[in-house]
Amino acid sequence: TSGSGKTIAKAFLQSGYGGLVLCAKPDEASEWIKYAKEWGRSHDLILFSEGSRFQFNPLQYETTRGGKGAGLTFNLTELFMSVFKMGQRLSGSTSEERERFWENSLRRCLNRVIDLLKLAGEDLSISNMVEVLSLAPQGEETLLRINKIKDESEYLKWAESDYFIYCLCAAGGNAETKQQERDLELIKSYFLRDFANLDDRVRSTIREMFLGFCEPFLSGILNDHFAGETNLTPEVTFEGKIIVMDFAVKDYLVSGIYAQSIFKLLWQQAVERRRVDNNTIPVFLWVDESQYFINEYDSIFQTTARSSRACTVFLTQNISNYYSYMGGNEAKSKVDSLLGNLATKVFHSNNDAETNDWASRVIGYDIIAMEGGNQQNSAFSFNITRGESFSMQLMPQVIPVEFTTLKTGGEENDYEVQGIVTISGHRWSNGKNFRRLTFKQRI
């Protein structure tokens, strides 16, 4: 953080980049305020924090942002699912076969709830979604009442006290195009047949999964800043602004992870959508203690980040953090895929064997001359015969133990932090694909 991280942050700020900063530690925001002041970017800093005037409603943003794909039900549902799966991961659940059934069931439910609110012309808000699902038919009694109604006026009277019925009536009145009529039939068949006739335990589980996910958005910072209007969007970073998400994980726990992960995902997608030319301002994503925020989409983003003029900086203590927080049976392959797409790697002092072995393998092997020798003493004289030999062997260019002895900064090291840097496709002046560098903590 204070070595290579601070050096890179200074370069971004002095070069006029816009950016998004996620916060894990309580002092992260204050550090960036200090950076911005020190390097002349205070006027570009936006502190998104509890009690600030800023709000970002992800559903409203995705529905109204404009452009191709805006407001598509599938995209809105996947936004929910990405955050839901992160919550599952944090709680220790895995994405094994038994979990996939429930994920698919929840995804289908979300599709129909979102479609119903959109077709009814209602606000696509967390509270409205909760109200719809809470009042949706849950057995034969409600279905019989619906089927017995012959007069539209009875529906309208019922709709005055039942939000689900109100939305169903409004959707029926708004279905004008063939696509809207098809959407309405899907909504009816799901809620009035499939969902209502599910086994009570299955239906209750789907409801509880959905309501449990929505619960954090009904109070606290997620309700105050992520469930109302939208007056701050990711696109301001394209103009050189720097958004600091001051919802530190150590202070806000899971709510802080949800808030920042939602904004991060939609920021990444906005970066991928923007048109790039010679005048496009580069942007950066800065994530210290990044194990809290990584997800499967990061690998996808990194494949096109360079062409979008976007720099990603992920800092973490060791690779084992990534494996642990990614979770699931495929955690290692997902982490390896992500790290493979990060072209520049800086390895600092580390005592984690997994990380040091991995770093040694990433830097790679080379044919190195190994010196050997022998000595013979004659039993009948004082003559000693010595011999030297050399053999060429394929050896690691940097052996794992070397990472444990790099300087770690502080007064005892003259505020110097050592790192071994490797960049994909780059050969340094020493002829190698890596180089030992020293970073000044006081710059």
Protein backbone atom coordinates (compact mmCIF):
# COMPACT_ATOMS: atom_id res chain seq x y z
CA THR A 1 0.00 0.00 0.00
CA SER A 2 2.69 2.50 0.97
CA GLY A 3 5.31 1.21 -1.48
CA SER A 4 4.41 0.34 -5.05
CA GLY A 5 0.77 1.22 -4.38
CA LYS A 6 1.49 4.79 -3.40
CA THR A 7 3.87 5.18 -6.34
CA ILE A 8 1.22 4.01 -8.82
CA ALA A 9 -1.49 6.16 -7.20
CA LYS A 10 0.73 9.22 -7.55
CA ALA A 11 1.26 8.46 -11.26
CA PHE A 12 -2.48 8.14 -11.87
CA LEU A 13 -3.31 11.39 -10.10
CA GLN A 14 -0.52 13.42 -11.66
CA SER A 15 -1.52 12.14 -15.11
CA GLY A 16 -5.11 13.37 -14.73
CA TYR A 17 -6.81 9.96 -14.65
CA GLY A 18 -10.36 9.57 -13.38
CA GLY A 19 -10.98 6.66 -11.07
CA LEU A 20 -12.96 4.58 -8.61
CA VAL A 21 -11.49 3.77 -5.20
CA LEU A 22 -12.95 1.04 -2.98
CA CYS A 23 -12.26 1.10 0.74
CA ALA A 24 -11.60 -1.87 2.99
CA LYS A 25 -9.82 -0.07 5.84
CA PRO A 26 -11.26 2.88 7.82
CA ASP A 27 -8.30 5.15 6.94
CA GLU A 28 -8.41 4.47 3.19
CA ALA A 29 -10.58 7.49 2.34
CA SER A 30 -8.45 9.88 4.39
CA GLU A 31 -5.33 8.61 2.60
CA TRP A 32 -6.86 9.42 -0.77
CA ILE A 33 -7.95 12.85 0.45
CA LYS A 34 -4.32 13.43 1.41
CA TYR A 35 -3.08 12.09 -1.94
CA ALA A 36 -5.47 14.35 -3.87
CA LYS A 37 -4.39 17.41 -1.90
CA GLU A 38 -0.70 16.62 -2.19
CA TRP A 39 -0.83 16.05 -5.94
CA GLY A 40 -3.28 18.80 -6.92
CA ARG A 41 -6.47 16.80 -7.48
CA SER A 42 -8.65 17.83 -4.53
CA HIS A 43 -11.16 19.51 -6.87
CA ASP A 44 -11.71 16.19 -8.65
CA LEU A 45 -12.28 14.07 -5.54
CA ILE A 46 -15.84 12.88 -4.77
CA LEU A 47 -16.27 11.33 -1.32
CA PHE A 48 -19.26 8.99 -1.42
CA SER A 49 -19.88 8.33 2.26
CA GLU A 50 -22.63 7.86 4.84
CA GLY A 51 -24.52 11.12 5.29
CA SER A 52 -23.23 12.61 2.04
CA ARG A 53 -25.66 14.00 -0.52
CA PHE A 54 -24.77 11.30 -3.04
CA GLN A 55 -27.13 8.49 -3.96
CA PHE A 56 -26.90 5.66 -6.46
CA ASN A 57 -29.87 3.40 -7.14
CA PRO A 58 -28.50 0.55 -9.28
CA LEU A 59 -31.93 -0.47 -10.56
CA GLN A 60 -32.87 3.06 -11.56
CA TYR A 61 -29.46 3.65 -13.12
CA GLU A 62 -29.54 0.48 -15.19
CA THR A 63 -33.10 1.20 -16.32
CA THR A 64 -32.55 4.84 -17.32
CA ARG A 65 -28.88 5.01 -18.36
CA GLY A 66 -29.75 4.97 -22.07
CA GLY A 67 -28.01 3.11 -24.84
CA LYS A 68 -28.35 -0.46 -26.03
CA GLY A 69 -29.39 -3.03 -23.45
CA ALA A 70 -30.58 -0.49 -20.88
CA GLY A 71 -33.40 -1.78 -18.70
CA LEU A 72 -33.35 -5.34 -20.02
CA THR A 73 -34.86 -7.70 -17.45
CA PHE A 74 -32.05 -10.22 -17.91
CA ASN A 75 -29.38 -7.61 -17.12
CA LEU A 76 -31.26 -6.39 -14.04
CA THR A 77 -31.66 -9.94 -12.79
CA GLU A 78 -27.98 -10.72 -13.32
CA LEU A 79 -27.09 -7.61 -11.33
CA PHE A 80 -29.07 -9.03 -8.43
CA MET A 81 -27.62 -12.49 -8.87
CA SER A 82 -24.02 -11.29 -8.87
CA VAL A 83 -24.57 -9.56 -5.53
CA PHE A 84 -26.60 -12.49 -4.20
CA LYS A 85 -23.82 -14.94 -5.03
CA MET A 86 -21.33 -12.68 -3.34
CA GLY A 87 -23.48 -12.80 -0.21
CA GLN A 88 -23.60 -16.60 -0.46
CA ARG A 89 -19.84 -16.69 -0.80
CA LEU A 90 -19.33 -14.47 2.24
CA SER A 91 -21.64 -16.66 4.31
CA GLY A 92 -19.61 -19.73 3.37
CA SER A 93 -22.03 -21.27 0.87
CA THR A 94 -20.70 -22.80 -2.32
CA SER A 95 -21.98 -23.01 -5.87
CA GLU A 96 -22.30 -26.77 -5.92
CA GLU A 97 -25.06 -28.62 -7.77
CA ARG A 98 -27.59 -28.34 -4.94
CA GLU A 99 -27.05 -24.57 -4.83
CA ARG A 100 -27.56 -24.13 -8.57
CA PHE A 101 -31.17 -25.29 -8.35
CA TRP A 102 -31.94 -22.54 -5.88
CA GLU A 103 -29.99 -19.95 -7.84
CA ASN A 104 -31.92 -20.78 -11.01
CA SER A 105 -35.21 -20.72 -9.10
CA LEU A 106 -34.38 -17.32 -7.64
CA ARG A 107 -33.27 -16.01 -11.04
CA ARG A 108 -36.60 -17.04 -12.60
CA CYS A 109 -38.53 -15.42 -9.76
CA LEU A 110 -36.58 -12.20 -10.16
CA ASN A 111 -37.27 -12.11 -13.89
CA ARG A 112 -41.02 -12.29 -13.34
CA VAL A 113 -41.08 -9.76 -10.48
CA ILE A 114 -39.09 -7.25 -12.52
CA ASP A 115 -41.24 -7.84 -15.61
CA LEU A 116 -44.42 -7.32 -13.61
CA LEU A 117 -43.29 -4.00 -12.13
CA LYS A 118 -42.02 -2.75 -15.49
CA LEU A 119 -45.22 -3.67 -17.32
CA ALA A 120 -47.34 -2.20 -14.52
CA GLY A 121 -45.47 1.10 -14.83
CA GLU A 122 -44.36 0.98 -11.19
CA ASP A 123 -41.02 2.11 -9.80
CA LEU A 124 -38.45 -0.68 -9.99
CA SER A 125 -37.41 -0.45 -6.35
CA ILE A 126 -36.39 -2.98 -3.73
CA SER A 127 -39.42 -2.13 -1.57
CA ASN A 128 -41.84 -2.66 -4.47
CA MET A 129 -40.22 -5.96 -5.36
CA VAL A 130 -40.52 -7.14 -1.77
CA GLU A 131 -44.18 -6.09 -1.69
CA VAL A 132 -44.99 -7.98 -4.91
CA LEU A 133 -43.41 -11.24 -3.79
CA SER A 134 -44.82 -11.00 -0.28
CA LEU A 135 -48.37 -10.77 -1.65
CA ALA A 136 -48.02 -13.17 -4.59
CA PRO A 137 -50.46 -16.14 -4.56
CA GLN A 138 -49.23 -18.93 -2.32
CA GLY A 139 -51.75 -21.72 -2.64
CA GLU A 140 -55.18 -22.79 -3.77
CA GLU A 141 -57.14 -20.31 -1.65
CA THR A 142 -55.86 -17.23 -3.47
CA LEU A 143 -56.05 -18.94 -6.86
CA LEU A 144 -59.68 -19.94 -6.27
CA ARG A 145 -60.56 -16.36 -5.38
CA ILE A 146 -58.86 -15.11 -8.57
CA ASN A 147 -60.59 -17.71 -10.73
CA LYS A 148 -64.04 -16.92 -9.29
CA ILE A 149 -63.87 -13.25 -10.25
CA LYS A 150 -65.96 -12.55 -13.29
CA ASP A 151 -66.27 -8.77 -13.18
CA GLU A 152 -63.29 -6.44 -13.69
CA SER A 153 -64.66 -4.15 -10.98
CA GLU A 154 -64.02 -6.91 -8.42
CA TYR A 155 -60.37 -7.00 -9.45
CA LEU A 156 -60.13 -3.22 -9.11
CA LYS A 157 -61.70 -3.28 -5.66
CA TRP A 158 -59.31 -6.03 -4.56
CA ALA A 159 -56.39 -4.10 -6.07
CA GLU A 160 -57.04 -1.22 -3.67
CA SER A 161 -55.78 -3.35 -0.79
CA ASP A 162 -53.42 -5.77 -2.53
CA TYR A 163 -50.33 -4.45 -4.32
CA PHE A 164 -49.76 -7.65 -6.29
CA ILE A 165 -53.29 -7.62 -7.73
CA TYR A 166 -52.93 -3.90 -8.43
CA CYS A 167 -49.77 -4.54 -10.45
CA LEU A 168 -51.38 -7.44 -12.28
CA CYS A 169 -54.36 -5.26 -13.27
CA ALA A 170 -52.10 -2.39 -14.34
CA ALA A 171 -49.90 -4.75 -16.37
CA GLY A 172 -52.98 -6.12 -18.13
CA GLY A 173 -54.07 -2.61 -19.05
CA ASN A 174 -50.60 -1.64 -20.33
CA ALA A 175 -49.93 -4.72 -22.46
CA GLU A 176 -50.30 -3.22 -25.94
CA THR A 177 -47.58 -4.72 -28.11
CA LYS A 178 -47.16 -8.41 -28.89
CA GLN A 179 -43.99 -8.53 -26.80
CA GLN A 180 -45.82 -7.00 -23.83
CA GLU A 181 -48.64 -9.51 -24.25
CA ARG A 182 -46.10 -12.36 -24.23
CA ASP A 183 -44.48 -10.89 -21.10
CA LEU A 184 -47.89 -10.69 -19.42
CA GLU A 185 -48.61 -14.35 -20.20
CA LEU A 186 -45.26 -15.36 -18.70
CA ILE A 187 -46.02 -13.32 -15.59
CA LYS A 188 -49.46 -14.87 -15.18
CA SER A 189 -48.32 -18.43 -15.82
CA TYR A 190 -45.52 -18.05 -13.31
CA PHE A 191 -47.40 -16.40 -10.43
CA LEU A 192 -50.85 -17.93 -10.97
CA ARG A 193 -49.66 -21.43 -11.79
CA ASP A 194 -46.01 -22.33 -11.23
CA PHE A 195 -45.13 -20.30 -8.13
CA ALA A 196 -48.53 -20.72 -6.48
CA ASN A 197 -48.50 -24.50 -6.94
CA LEU A 198 -44.96 -25.09 -5.73
CA ASP A 199 -44.45 -27.24 -2.69
CA ASP A 200 -44.75 -25.01 0.38
CA ARG A 201 -41.16 -25.67 1.42
CA VAL A 202 -39.77 -24.87 -2.04
CA ARG A 203 -41.85 -21.71 -2.39
CA SER A 204 -40.92 -20.57 1.13
CA THR A 205 -37.23 -21.13 0.42
CA ILE A 206 -37.35 -19.05 -2.76
CA ARG A 207 -39.21 -16.27 -0.95
CA GLU A 208 -36.80 -16.29 1.97
CA MET A 209 -33.76 -16.24 -0.33
CA PHE A 210 -35.18 -13.22 -2.11
CA LEU A 211 -36.36 -11.40 1.02
CA GLY A 212 -33.11 -12.20 2.82
CA PHE A 213 -31.13 -10.63 -0.03
CA CYS A 214 -33.38 -7.54 -0.03
CA GLU A 215 -33.35 -7.07 3.74
CA PRO A 216 -30.11 -5.00 3.93
CA PHE A 217 -31.54 -2.58 1.34
CA LEU A 218 -34.54 -1.76 3.52
CA SER A 219 -32.53 0.06 6.21
CA GLY A 220 -29.09 1.52 6.93
CA ILE A 221 -26.64 2.81 4.34
CA LEU A 222 -27.97 0.62 1.54
CA ASN A 223 -31.43 2.09 1.98
CA ASP A 224 -30.17 5.65 2.48
CA HIS A 225 -27.76 5.71 -0.46
CA PHE A 226 -28.59 2.80 -2.80
CA ALA A 227 -32.39 2.48 -2.84
CA GLY A 228 -33.63 6.00 -3.63
CA GLU A 229 -32.75 8.40 -6.41
CA THR A 230 -29.53 8.59 -8.42
CA ASN A 231 -27.41 11.76 -8.46
CA LEU A 232 -23.97 10.18 -8.90
CA THR A 233 -23.13 7.88 -11.79
CA PRO A 234 -19.99 5.96 -12.81
CA GLU A 235 -19.66 8.10 -15.94
CA VAL A 236 -18.37 11.14 -13.99
CA THR A 237 -15.02 9.35 -13.71
CA PHE A 238 -14.74 9.59 -17.51
CA GLU A 239 -14.45 13.36 -17.01
CA GLY A 240 -11.50 12.99 -14.63
CA LYS A 241 -13.40 12.75 -11.34
CA ILE A 242 -12.25 10.31 -8.66
CA ILE A 243 -15.00 8.59 -6.64
CA VAL A 244 -13.91 7.28 -3.24
CA MET A 245 -16.41 4.77 -1.84
CA ASP A 246 -16.05 5.54 1.86
CA PHE A 247 -17.99 2.52 3.14
CA ALA A 248 -15.03 0.71 4.67
CA VAL A 249 -15.53 -3.04 5.07
CA LYS A 250 -14.02 -2.92 8.55
CA ASP A 251 -16.74 -0.44 9.57
CA TYR A 252 -19.78 -1.53 7.55
CA LEU A 253 -19.01 -5.23 7.11
CA VAL A 254 -21.25 -6.98 4.54
CA SER A 255 -23.23 -3.80 3.82
CA GLY A 256 -19.97 -2.09 2.86
CA ILE A 257 -19.07 -4.96 0.53
CA TYR A 258 -22.52 -4.92 -1.10
CA ALA A 259 -22.50 -1.15 -1.61
CA GLN A 260 -19.06 -0.99 -3.15
CA SER A 261 -19.36 -4.20 -5.19
CA ILE A 262 -22.57 -3.01 -6.85
CA PHE A 263 -21.01 0.32 -7.82
CA LYS A 264 -17.82 -1.44 -8.96
CA LEU A 265 -19.71 -3.84 -11.25
CA LEU A 266 -21.76 -1.10 -12.90
CA TRP A 267 -18.66 1.10 -13.21
CA GLN A 268 -16.86 -1.72 -15.02
CA GLN A 269 -19.79 -2.19 -17.40
CA ALA A 270 -19.98 1.56 -18.05
CA VAL A 271 -16.25 1.59 -18.88
CA GLU A 272 -16.77 -1.25 -21.36
CA ARG A 273 -19.60 0.66 -23.07
CA ARG A 274 -17.81 3.96 -23.56
CA ARG A 275 -16.47 4.98 -26.95
CA VAL A 276 -12.69 5.43 -26.95
CA ASP A 277 -10.72 7.88 -29.10
CA ASN A 278 -7.50 9.88 -28.79
CA ASN A 279 -9.15 12.32 -26.38
CA THR A 280 -10.56 9.71 -24.00
CA ILE A 281 -9.37 10.23 -20.42
CA PRO A 282 -7.92 7.02 -18.92
CA VAL A 283 -9.53 5.72 -15.75
CA PHE A 284 -8.41 3.45 -12.92
CA LEU A 285 -10.01 1.03 -10.50
CA TRP A 286 -8.22 0.97 -7.16
CA VAL A 287 -8.95 -1.88 -4.73
CA ASP A 288 -6.79 -2.39 -1.65
CA GLU A 289 -7.49 -5.58 0.33
CA SER A 290 -9.05 -6.68 -2.94
CA GLN A 291 -9.91 -10.17 -1.72
CA TYR A 292 -13.13 -8.68 -0.30
CA PHE A 293 -14.33 -7.46 -3.69
CA ILE A 294 -13.18 -9.89 -6.39
CA ASN A 295 -15.78 -11.79 -8.41
CA GLU A 296 -16.05 -13.73 -11.63
CA TYR A 297 -16.80 -10.62 -13.69
CA ASP A 298 -13.35 -9.17 -12.96
CA SER A 299 -11.75 -11.68 -15.35
CA ILE A 300 -14.19 -10.70 -18.10
CA PHE A 301 -13.52 -7.00 -17.52
CA GLN A 302 -9.77 -7.44 -17.68
CA THR A 303 -9.91 -8.98 -21.16
CA THR A 304 -11.04 -5.62 -22.62
CA ALA A 305 -9.85 -3.14 -19.98
CA ARG A 306 -6.76 -2.11 -21.93
CA SER A 307 -8.75 -1.16 -25.04
CA SER A 308 -11.15 0.77 -22.79
CA ARG A 309 -8.22 2.75 -21.34
CA ALA A 310 -8.87 1.36 -17.88
CA CYS A 311 -6.19 0.40 -15.35
CA THR A 312 -6.98 -2.04 -12.55
CA VAL A 313 -4.96 -2.15 -9.34
CA PHE A 314 -5.70 -5.03 -6.97
CA LEU A 315 -3.64 -5.18 -3.79
CA THR A 316 -3.70 -8.09 -1.33
CA GLN A 317 -1.40 -9.66 1.24
CA ASN A 318 -1.21 -13.07 -0.44
CA ILE A 319 -2.81 -15.29 -3.05
CA SER A 320 -4.31 -17.51 -0.34
CA ASN A 321 -6.67 -14.65 0.51
CA TYR A 322 -8.05 -14.84 -3.02
CA TYR A 323 -8.57 -18.60 -2.90
CA SER A 324 -10.33 -18.30 0.46
CA TYR A 325 -12.69 -15.46 -0.46
CA MET A 326 -13.52 -16.69 -3.97
CA GLY A 327 -14.86 -19.91 -2.47
CA GLY A 328 -16.43 -22.89 -4.21
CA ASN A 329 -14.96 -25.94 -5.89
CA GLU A 330 -13.45 -23.90 -8.72
CA ALA A 331 -11.93 -21.14 -6.62
CA LYS A 332 -8.35 -21.83 -7.70
CA SER A 333 -9.07 -21.86 -11.43
CA LYS A 334 -11.14 -18.66 -11.14
CA VAL A 335 -8.39 -16.88 -9.22
CA ASP A 336 -5.69 -18.09 -11.59
CA SER A 337 -7.78 -16.84 -14.52
CA LEU A 338 -8.16 -13.42 -12.94
CA LEU A 339 -4.49 -13.07 -12.07
CA GLY A 340 -3.49 -14.28 -15.52
CA ASN A 341 -5.37 -11.30 -16.98
CA LEU A 342 -3.51 -8.81 -14.77
CA ALA A 343 -0.44 -8.08 -16.88
CA THR A 344 1.75 -6.25 -14.34
CA LYS A 345 2.59 -7.98 -11.08
CA VAL A 346 4.58 -6.59 -8.16
CA PHE A 347 5.71 -9.05 -5.49
CA HIS A 348 6.75 -7.67 -2.11
CA SER A 349 8.05 -9.36 1.02
CA ASN A 350 5.85 -12.32 1.88
CA ASN A 351 5.88 -15.31 4.21
CA ASP A 352 3.04 -17.17 2.50
CA ALA A 353 4.56 -20.23 0.83
CA GLU A 354 1.70 -20.57 -1.67
CA THR A 355 2.22 -17.00 -2.85
CA ASN A 356 5.98 -17.25 -3.08
CA ASP A 357 5.89 -20.55 -5.00
CA TRP A 358 3.29 -19.06 -7.36
CA ALA A 359 5.35 -15.88 -7.86
CA SER A 360 8.46 -17.93 -8.64
CA ARG A 361 6.54 -19.93 -11.26
CA VAL A 362 5.06 -16.77 -12.82
CA ILE A 363 8.51 -15.23 -13.28
CA GLY A 364 9.58 -18.53 -14.76
CA TYR A 365 12.68 -20.61 -15.33
CA ASP A 366 15.92 -20.04 -17.18
CA ILE A 367 19.01 -22.09 -18.04
CA ILE A 368 21.55 -21.18 -15.39
CA ALA A 369 25.18 -22.26 -15.09
CA MET A 370 25.67 -24.28 -11.90
CA GLU A 371 29.20 -24.49 -10.55
CA GLY A 372 30.50 -27.75 -9.14
CA GLY A 373 33.82 -28.90 -7.79
CA ASN A 374 35.79 -31.67 -6.16
CA GLN A 375 38.94 -32.06 -4.10
CA GLN A 376 41.17 -35.10 -3.73
CA ASN A 377 43.88 -35.66 -1.10
CA SER A 378 46.64 -38.18 -1.83
CA ALA A 379 47.16 -40.77 0.91
CA PHE A 380 50.94 -40.89 0.24
CA SER A 381 51.76 -37.24 -0.27
CA PHE A 382 50.72 -33.74 0.60
CA ASN A 383 49.42 -33.13 -2.90
CA ILE A 384 45.85 -31.87 -3.13
CA THR A 385 44.00 -32.05 -6.44
CA ARG A 386 41.10 -29.70 -7.03
CA GLY A 387 38.70 -29.67 -9.96
CA GLU A 388 35.95 -27.32 -11.05
CA SER A 389 33.03 -27.97 -13.39
CA PHE A 390 30.01 -26.16 -14.72
CA SER A 391 26.69 -27.57 -15.82
CA MET A 392 23.72 -25.85 -17.39
CA GLN A 393 20.47 -26.50 -15.57
CA LEU A 394 16.89 -25.24 -15.84
CA MET A 395 16.30 -23.36 -12.60
CA PRO A 396 13.84 -20.77 -11.21
CA GLN A 397 15.03 -17.25 -11.97
CA VAL A 398 13.83 -16.19 -8.52
CA ILE A 399 13.61 -18.90 -5.89
CA PRO A 400 10.70 -18.61 -3.40
CA VAL A 401 12.92 -17.83 -0.40
CA GLU A 402 14.03 -14.57 -2.01
CA PHE A 403 10.56 -13.08 -1.50
CA THR A 404 10.87 -13.48 2.27
CA THR A 405 13.90 -11.18 2.57
CA LEU A 406 12.80 -8.11 0.59
CA LYS A 407 12.81 -4.79 2.45
CA THR A 408 9.46 -3.94 4.04
CA GLY A 409 9.85 -0.20 4.62
CA GLY A 410 9.81 1.74 7.86
CA GLU A 411 12.57 3.63 9.60
CA GLU A 412 14.76 0.54 9.91
CA ASN A 413 14.79 0.23 6.09
CA ASP A 414 15.14 3.97 5.38
CA TYR A 415 11.48 3.93 4.28
CA GLU A 416 12.33 1.76 1.30
CA VAL A 417 10.12 -1.09 0.10
CA GLN A 418 11.59 -3.64 -2.29
CA GLY A 419 9.54 -5.42 -4.93
CA ILE A 420 10.11 -7.77 -7.82
CA VAL A 421 8.19 -6.60 -10.89
CA THR A 422 7.21 -8.57 -13.96
CA ILE A 423 5.17 -7.24 -16.89
CA SER A 424 3.68 -9.42 -19.59
CA GLY A 425 5.55 -9.00 -22.88
CA HIS A 426 8.17 -6.67 -21.39
CA ARG A 427 11.91 -7.31 -21.28
CA TRP A 428 13.85 -5.11 -18.87
CA SER A 429 17.25 -3.52 -19.51
CA ASN A 430 18.86 -6.43 -17.65
CA GLY A 431 17.59 -8.73 -20.39
CA LYS A 432 15.20 -10.45 -18.01
CA ASN A 433 11.40 -10.50 -17.76
CA PHE A 434 11.62 -9.26 -14.16
CA ARG A 435 13.46 -6.64 -12.16
CA ARG A 436 14.05 -5.83 -8.51
CA LEU A 437 12.92 -2.28 -7.77
CA THR A 438 12.92 -0.09 -4.70
CA PHE A 439 9.90 2.08 -3.86
CA LYS A 440 10.12 5.08 -1.56
CA GLN A 441 7.42 5.32 1.11
CA ARG A 442 8.11 9.02 1.38
CA ILE A 443 7.58 10.46 -2.09
